[in-house]
Amino acid sequence: QVQLVESGGGLVQAGGSLRLSCAASGRTFSSYAMGWFRQAPGKEREFVAGISWSGGSTYYADSVKGRFTISRGNARNTAYLQMRSLKPEDTAVYYCAAVYHSSDSIVRGTNEYDYWGQGTQVTVTS
């Protein structure tokens, strides 16, 4: 049974920072691409950032580029999302996702991911 567990969400003022973590268990994730998505109330889930299985490639949504950084732990079964200069419009539930992807490239589509975490709330106040 594959499990993804996010942590690190919370309440922060605009301009502040948070670091989200995603711990994967149940199998070896050495060939799994991972990504972060978010969903605000009344909106569709959207791609935020993705990282290839090796960690060598990353990709960001335009809305977070330059402010967020995605990374993986050395064992590749952990993903992080460092969020800086947070804005109220970043408020959402953030989800971690994983998919087997032997090609060392990014996966961006919501429907392409097989495994999802339960989500962690990020609230940014003005």
N, C-alpha and C. Protein backbone atom coordinates (compact mmCIF):
# COMPACT_ATOMS: atom_id res chain seq x y z
N GLN A 1 0.85 -1.18 0.00
CA GLN A 1 0.00 0.00 0.00
C GLN A 1 0.89 1.24 0.00
N VAL A 2 0.75 2.06 -1.03
CA VAL A 2 1.54 3.28 -1.12
C VAL A 2 0.85 4.37 -0.31
N GLN A 3 1.63 5.05 0.46
CA GLN A 3 1.10 6.17 1.24
C GLN A 3 1.97 7.40 1.07
N LEU A 4 1.32 8.54 0.92
CA LEU A 4 2.01 9.83 0.90
C LEU A 4 1.42 10.66 2.04
N VAL A 5 2.28 11.19 2.86
CA VAL A 5 1.83 11.97 4.01
C VAL A 5 2.50 13.34 3.98
N GLU A 6 1.67 14.37 3.87
CA GLU A 6 2.20 15.74 3.87
C GLU A 6 2.21 16.30 5.28
N SER A 7 3.10 17.24 5.48
CA SER A 7 3.15 17.97 6.75
C SER A 7 3.77 19.34 6.49
N GLY A 8 3.62 20.22 7.46
CA GLY A 8 4.27 21.52 7.37
C GLY A 8 3.36 22.68 7.04
N GLY A 9 2.10 22.41 6.76
CA GLY A 9 1.19 23.50 6.48
C GLY A 9 0.89 24.31 7.73
N GLY A 10 0.21 25.43 7.54
CA GLY A 10 -0.13 26.26 8.68
C GLY A 10 -0.59 27.63 8.27
N LEU A 11 -0.61 28.52 9.25
CA LEU A 11 -1.05 29.90 9.07
C LEU A 11 0.17 30.80 9.08
N VAL A 12 0.28 31.66 8.09
CA VAL A 12 1.44 32.54 7.99
C VAL A 12 1.01 33.89 7.41
N GLN A 13 1.71 34.93 7.78
CA GLN A 13 1.41 36.25 7.23
C GLN A 13 2.03 36.38 5.84
N ALA A 14 1.45 37.26 5.05
CA ALA A 14 1.99 37.53 3.72
C ALA A 14 3.46 37.94 3.84
N GLY A 15 4.26 37.40 2.93
CA GLY A 15 5.70 37.64 2.96
C GLY A 15 6.48 36.59 3.73
N GLY A 16 5.76 35.76 4.45
CA GLY A 16 6.41 34.72 5.25
C GLY A 16 6.76 33.48 4.44
N SER A 17 7.26 32.48 5.15
CA SER A 17 7.72 31.24 4.51
C SER A 17 7.16 30.02 5.23
N LEU A 18 7.03 28.95 4.48
CA LEU A 18 6.67 27.65 5.02
C LEU A 18 7.41 26.59 4.22
N ARG A 19 7.67 25.46 4.86
CA ARG A 19 8.28 24.34 4.15
C ARG A 19 7.38 23.12 4.32
N LEU A 20 6.86 22.63 3.20
CA LEU A 20 6.03 21.44 3.21
C LEU A 20 6.90 20.21 2.97
N SER A 21 6.54 19.12 3.62
CA SER A 21 7.23 17.85 3.44
C SER A 21 6.23 16.79 3.01
N CYS A 22 6.71 15.84 2.22
CA CYS A 22 5.89 14.71 1.77
C CYS A 22 6.72 13.46 1.95
N ALA A 23 6.26 12.59 2.82
CA ALA A 23 6.95 11.33 3.07
C ALA A 23 6.21 10.20 2.37
N ALA A 24 6.92 9.48 1.52
CA ALA A 24 6.33 8.37 0.77
C ALA A 24 6.76 7.05 1.37
N SER A 25 5.85 6.10 1.43
CA SER A 25 6.17 4.78 1.96
C SER A 25 5.41 3.72 1.19
N GLY A 26 5.85 2.48 1.31
CA GLY A 26 5.15 1.38 0.66
C GLY A 26 5.94 0.75 -0.45
N ARG A 27 6.89 1.48 -1.01
CA ARG A 27 7.74 0.92 -2.05
C ARG A 27 8.92 1.84 -2.26
N THR A 28 9.84 1.44 -3.09
CA THR A 28 10.97 2.28 -3.42
C THR A 28 10.56 3.30 -4.47
N PHE A 29 10.82 4.55 -4.20
CA PHE A 29 10.38 5.61 -5.09
C PHE A 29 11.50 6.14 -5.96
N SER A 30 12.47 5.31 -6.21
CA SER A 30 13.62 5.79 -6.97
C SER A 30 13.28 6.13 -8.41
N SER A 31 12.20 5.55 -8.96
CA SER A 31 11.81 5.86 -10.35
C SER A 31 10.47 6.56 -10.41
N TYR A 32 10.16 7.30 -9.38
CA TYR A 32 8.88 7.99 -9.30
C TYR A 32 9.07 9.50 -9.41
N ALA A 33 8.35 10.10 -10.34
CA ALA A 33 8.27 11.55 -10.36
C ALA A 33 7.32 11.99 -9.26
N MET A 34 7.59 13.14 -8.71
CA MET A 34 6.73 13.66 -7.64
C MET A 34 6.33 15.09 -7.95
N GLY A 35 5.22 15.48 -7.39
CA GLY A 35 4.74 16.83 -7.65
C GLY A 35 3.94 17.38 -6.50
N TRP A 36 3.79 18.68 -6.51
CA TRP A 36 2.92 19.37 -5.56
C TRP A 36 1.81 20.07 -6.33
N PHE A 37 0.61 19.93 -5.81
CA PHE A 37 -0.56 20.57 -6.37
C PHE A 37 -1.25 21.35 -5.24
N ARG A 38 -2.18 22.23 -5.61
CA ARG A 38 -2.96 22.93 -4.61
C ARG A 38 -4.38 23.14 -5.11
N GLN A 39 -5.27 23.26 -4.15
CA GLN A 39 -6.67 23.50 -4.48
C GLN A 39 -7.26 24.50 -3.51
N ALA A 40 -7.66 25.63 -4.05
CA ALA A 40 -8.31 26.66 -3.25
C ALA A 40 -9.82 26.43 -3.29
N PRO A 41 -10.56 26.96 -2.31
CA PRO A 41 -12.01 26.76 -2.29
C PRO A 41 -12.67 27.25 -3.57
N GLY A 42 -13.50 26.39 -4.15
CA GLY A 42 -14.23 26.75 -5.35
C GLY A 42 -13.43 26.69 -6.63
N LYS A 43 -12.17 26.24 -6.53
CA LYS A 43 -11.31 26.18 -7.72
C LYS A 43 -10.85 24.75 -7.96
N GLU A 44 -10.39 24.52 -9.18
CA GLU A 44 -9.87 23.20 -9.52
C GLU A 44 -8.46 23.02 -8.95
N ARG A 45 -8.09 21.76 -8.77
CA ARG A 45 -6.74 21.47 -8.31
C ARG A 45 -5.76 21.86 -9.42
N GLU A 46 -4.68 22.54 -9.03
CA GLU A 46 -3.73 23.01 -10.01
C GLU A 46 -2.30 22.58 -9.69
N PHE A 47 -1.52 22.41 -10.73
CA PHE A 47 -0.12 22.05 -10.60
C PHE A 47 0.65 23.22 -10.01
N VAL A 48 1.54 22.91 -9.07
CA VAL A 48 2.39 23.94 -8.47
C VAL A 48 3.85 23.73 -8.87
N ALA A 49 4.34 22.51 -8.65
CA ALA A 49 5.75 22.22 -8.93
C ALA A 49 5.93 20.73 -9.11
N GLY A 50 6.91 20.36 -9.94
CA GLY A 50 7.20 18.95 -10.16
C GLY A 50 8.69 18.70 -10.16
N ILE A 51 9.06 17.46 -9.85
CA ILE A 51 10.47 17.08 -9.81
C ILE A 51 10.62 15.68 -10.37
N SER A 52 11.67 15.47 -11.17
CA SER A 52 11.91 14.16 -11.77
C SER A 52 12.43 13.17 -10.73
N TRP A 53 12.50 11.90 -11.10
CA TRP A 53 12.86 10.90 -10.10
C TRP A 53 14.27 11.10 -9.58
N SER A 54 15.16 11.61 -10.41
CA SER A 54 16.53 11.83 -9.95
C SER A 54 16.68 13.14 -9.19
N GLY A 55 15.70 14.01 -9.33
CA GLY A 55 15.82 15.34 -8.74
C GLY A 55 16.54 16.31 -9.65
N GLY A 56 16.96 15.83 -10.82
CA GLY A 56 17.73 16.67 -11.71
C GLY A 56 16.93 17.67 -12.51
N SER A 57 15.63 17.44 -12.61
CA SER A 57 14.76 18.37 -13.35
C SER A 57 13.63 18.83 -12.46
N THR A 58 13.35 20.11 -12.55
CA THR A 58 12.22 20.68 -11.81
C THR A 58 11.44 21.61 -12.73
N TYR A 59 10.19 21.85 -12.37
CA TYR A 59 9.34 22.75 -13.17
C TYR A 59 8.34 23.39 -12.23
N TYR A 60 8.02 24.66 -12.50
CA TYR A 60 7.12 25.41 -11.62
C TYR A 60 6.02 26.10 -12.42
N ALA A 61 4.89 26.22 -11.79
CA ALA A 61 3.85 27.05 -12.34
C ALA A 61 4.32 28.50 -12.32
N ASP A 62 3.89 29.28 -13.29
CA ASP A 62 4.32 30.67 -13.38
C ASP A 62 4.00 31.44 -12.11
N SER A 63 2.90 31.10 -11.48
CA SER A 63 2.45 31.84 -10.30
C SER A 63 3.37 31.69 -9.10
N VAL A 64 4.21 30.66 -9.10
CA VAL A 64 5.09 30.42 -7.94
C VAL A 64 6.57 30.47 -8.31
N LYS A 65 6.86 30.61 -9.58
CA LYS A 65 8.25 30.60 -10.03
C LYS A 65 9.04 31.72 -9.34
N GLY A 66 10.20 31.36 -8.83
CA GLY A 66 11.04 32.33 -8.13
C GLY A 66 10.74 32.45 -6.66
N ARG A 67 9.62 31.89 -6.21
CA ARG A 67 9.24 31.96 -4.79
C ARG A 67 9.26 30.58 -4.13
N PHE A 68 8.91 29.54 -4.90
CA PHE A 68 8.84 28.18 -4.37
C PHE A 68 9.99 27.35 -4.93
N THR A 69 10.43 26.38 -4.12
CA THR A 69 11.48 25.47 -4.56
C THR A 69 11.10 24.06 -4.17
N ILE A 70 11.10 23.16 -5.15
CA ILE A 70 10.81 21.76 -4.89
C ILE A 70 12.13 20.99 -4.84
N SER A 71 12.20 20.00 -3.96
CA SER A 71 13.41 19.20 -3.84
C SER A 71 13.03 17.81 -3.35
N ARG A 72 14.00 16.91 -3.39
CA ARG A 72 13.80 15.54 -2.91
C ARG A 72 14.90 15.22 -1.90
N GLY A 73 14.55 14.31 -0.99
CA GLY A 73 15.54 13.83 -0.06
C GLY A 73 16.50 12.86 -0.74
N ASN A 74 17.58 12.56 -0.09
CA ASN A 74 18.60 11.68 -0.66
C ASN A 74 18.06 10.30 -1.00
N ALA A 75 17.13 9.81 -0.23
CA ALA A 75 16.54 8.49 -0.47
C ALA A 75 15.45 8.55 -1.52
N ARG A 76 15.15 9.76 -2.03
CA ARG A 76 14.18 9.98 -3.11
C ARG A 76 12.76 9.62 -2.72
N ASN A 77 12.50 9.21 -1.49
CA ASN A 77 11.13 8.93 -1.09
C ASN A 77 10.55 10.06 -0.25
N THR A 78 11.19 11.21 -0.30
CA THR A 78 10.69 12.38 0.39
C THR A 78 10.77 13.56 -0.56
N ALA A 79 9.74 14.37 -0.56
CA ALA A 79 9.73 15.59 -1.37
C ALA A 79 9.44 16.78 -0.48
N TYR A 80 9.99 17.92 -0.85
CA TYR A 80 9.80 19.13 -0.08
C TYR A 80 9.34 20.25 -0.99
N LEU A 81 8.62 21.18 -0.41
CA LEU A 81 8.25 22.40 -1.12
C LEU A 81 8.55 23.56 -0.20
N GLN A 82 9.64 24.26 -0.50
CA GLN A 82 9.98 25.46 0.25
C GLN A 82 9.24 26.63 -0.37
N MET A 83 8.44 27.31 0.44
CA MET A 83 7.61 28.41 -0.06
C MET A 83 8.05 29.70 0.62
N ARG A 84 8.41 30.69 -0.16
CA ARG A 84 8.85 31.98 0.35
C ARG A 84 7.99 33.08 -0.24
N SER A 85 8.06 34.24 0.36
CA SER A 85 7.30 35.40 -0.11
C SER A 85 5.85 35.03 -0.37
N LEU A 86 5.26 34.38 0.58
CA LEU A 86 3.89 33.90 0.41
C LEU A 86 2.91 35.04 0.26
N LYS A 87 1.89 34.78 -0.53
CA LYS A 87 0.85 35.77 -0.81
C LYS A 87 -0.51 35.18 -0.38
N PRO A 88 -1.48 36.03 -0.11
CA PRO A 88 -2.81 35.51 0.24
C PRO A 88 -3.37 34.57 -0.83
N GLU A 89 -3.05 34.82 -2.08
CA GLU A 89 -3.56 33.96 -3.15
C GLU A 89 -2.90 32.58 -3.17
N ASP A 90 -1.89 32.36 -2.34
CA ASP A 90 -1.31 31.03 -2.19
C ASP A 90 -2.11 30.16 -1.23
N THR A 91 -3.10 30.74 -0.59
CA THR A 91 -3.92 29.99 0.35
C THR A 91 -4.65 28.86 -0.37
N ALA A 92 -4.48 27.65 0.13
CA ALA A 92 -5.07 26.47 -0.50
C ALA A 92 -4.72 25.23 0.32
N VAL A 93 -5.33 24.13 -0.03
CA VAL A 93 -4.87 22.83 0.46
C VAL A 93 -3.82 22.33 -0.53
N TYR A 94 -2.65 21.98 0.00
CA TYR A 94 -1.55 21.53 -0.84
C TYR A 94 -1.44 20.01 -0.77
N TYR A 95 -1.31 19.40 -1.95
CA TYR A 95 -1.25 17.96 -2.06
C TYR A 95 0.08 17.53 -2.69
N CYS A 96 0.60 16.45 -2.16
CA CYS A 96 1.75 15.80 -2.74
C CYS A 96 1.26 14.64 -3.61
N ALA A 97 1.95 14.37 -4.71
CA ALA A 97 1.55 13.29 -5.60
C ALA A 97 2.79 12.58 -6.16
N ALA A 98 2.60 11.31 -6.54
CA ALA A 98 3.70 10.52 -7.09
C ALA A 98 3.19 9.62 -8.21
N VAL A 99 4.07 9.34 -9.17
CA VAL A 99 3.73 8.44 -10.27
C VAL A 99 5.01 7.77 -10.76
N TYR A 100 4.91 6.50 -11.10
CA TYR A 100 6.06 5.79 -11.67
C TYR A 100 6.37 6.42 -13.03
N HIS A 101 7.62 6.83 -13.21
CA HIS A 101 7.98 7.54 -14.44
C HIS A 101 9.45 7.32 -14.69
N SER A 102 9.76 6.26 -15.47
CA SER A 102 11.16 5.89 -15.64
C SER A 102 11.96 6.95 -16.39
N SER A 103 11.28 7.72 -17.24
CA SER A 103 11.95 8.82 -17.91
C SER A 103 12.24 9.90 -16.88
N ASP A 104 13.44 10.40 -16.86
CA ASP A 104 13.83 11.38 -15.85
C ASP A 104 13.32 12.77 -16.25
N SER A 105 12.00 12.91 -16.22
CA SER A 105 11.39 14.17 -16.63
C SER A 105 10.24 14.50 -15.70
N ILE A 106 9.65 15.66 -15.93
CA ILE A 106 8.58 16.18 -15.07
C ILE A 106 7.22 15.65 -15.53
N VAL A 107 6.35 15.42 -14.58
CA VAL A 107 4.96 15.08 -14.87
C VAL A 107 4.11 16.21 -14.32
N ARG A 108 3.29 16.81 -15.17
CA ARG A 108 2.54 18.00 -14.75
C ARG A 108 1.04 17.81 -14.65
N GLY A 109 0.51 16.80 -15.32
CA GLY A 109 -0.93 16.64 -15.37
C GLY A 109 -1.51 16.01 -14.11
N THR A 110 -2.59 16.60 -13.63
CA THR A 110 -3.25 16.06 -12.45
C THR A 110 -3.65 14.60 -12.67
N ASN A 111 -4.17 14.30 -13.84
CA ASN A 111 -4.65 12.95 -14.13
C ASN A 111 -3.53 11.94 -14.36
N GLU A 112 -2.30 12.41 -14.44
CA GLU A 112 -1.18 11.51 -14.69
C GLU A 112 -0.61 10.89 -13.41
N TYR A 113 -0.97 11.44 -12.27
CA TYR A 113 -0.44 10.94 -11.01
C TYR A 113 -1.33 9.84 -10.44
N ASP A 114 -0.69 8.83 -9.89
CA ASP A 114 -1.40 7.67 -9.36
C ASP A 114 -1.63 7.73 -7.86
N TYR A 115 -0.73 8.39 -7.15
CA TYR A 115 -0.80 8.39 -5.69
C TYR A 115 -0.86 9.82 -5.17
N TRP A 116 -1.71 10.01 -4.17
CA TRP A 116 -1.94 11.35 -3.60
C TRP A 116 -1.93 11.29 -2.08
N GLY A 117 -1.43 12.37 -1.49
CA GLY A 117 -1.53 12.51 -0.05
C GLY A 117 -2.89 13.08 0.33
N GLN A 118 -3.08 13.26 1.63
CA GLN A 118 -4.37 13.73 2.12
C GLN A 118 -4.48 15.25 2.09
N GLY A 119 -3.38 15.92 1.88
CA GLY A 119 -3.38 17.38 1.79
C GLY A 119 -3.05 18.05 3.11
N THR A 120 -2.48 19.24 2.99
CA THR A 120 -2.17 20.05 4.16
C THR A 120 -2.58 21.49 3.86
N GLN A 121 -3.23 22.11 4.83
CA GLN A 121 -3.78 23.46 4.62
C GLN A 121 -2.68 24.51 4.78
N VAL A 122 -2.62 25.42 3.83
CA VAL A 122 -1.75 26.59 3.92
C VAL A 122 -2.65 27.82 3.84
N THR A 123 -2.57 28.66 4.85
CA THR A 123 -3.37 29.88 4.89
C THR A 123 -2.45 31.08 5.05
N VAL A 124 -2.53 32.01 4.12
CA VAL A 124 -1.69 33.20 4.13
C VAL A 124 -2.58 34.41 4.37
N THR A 125 -2.33 35.13 5.44
CA THR A 125 -3.13 36.30 5.78
C THR A 125 -2.44 37.57 5.32
N SER A 126 -3.25 38.56 5.00
CA SER A 126 -2.69 39.84 4.51
C SER A 126 -2.43 40.79 5.66
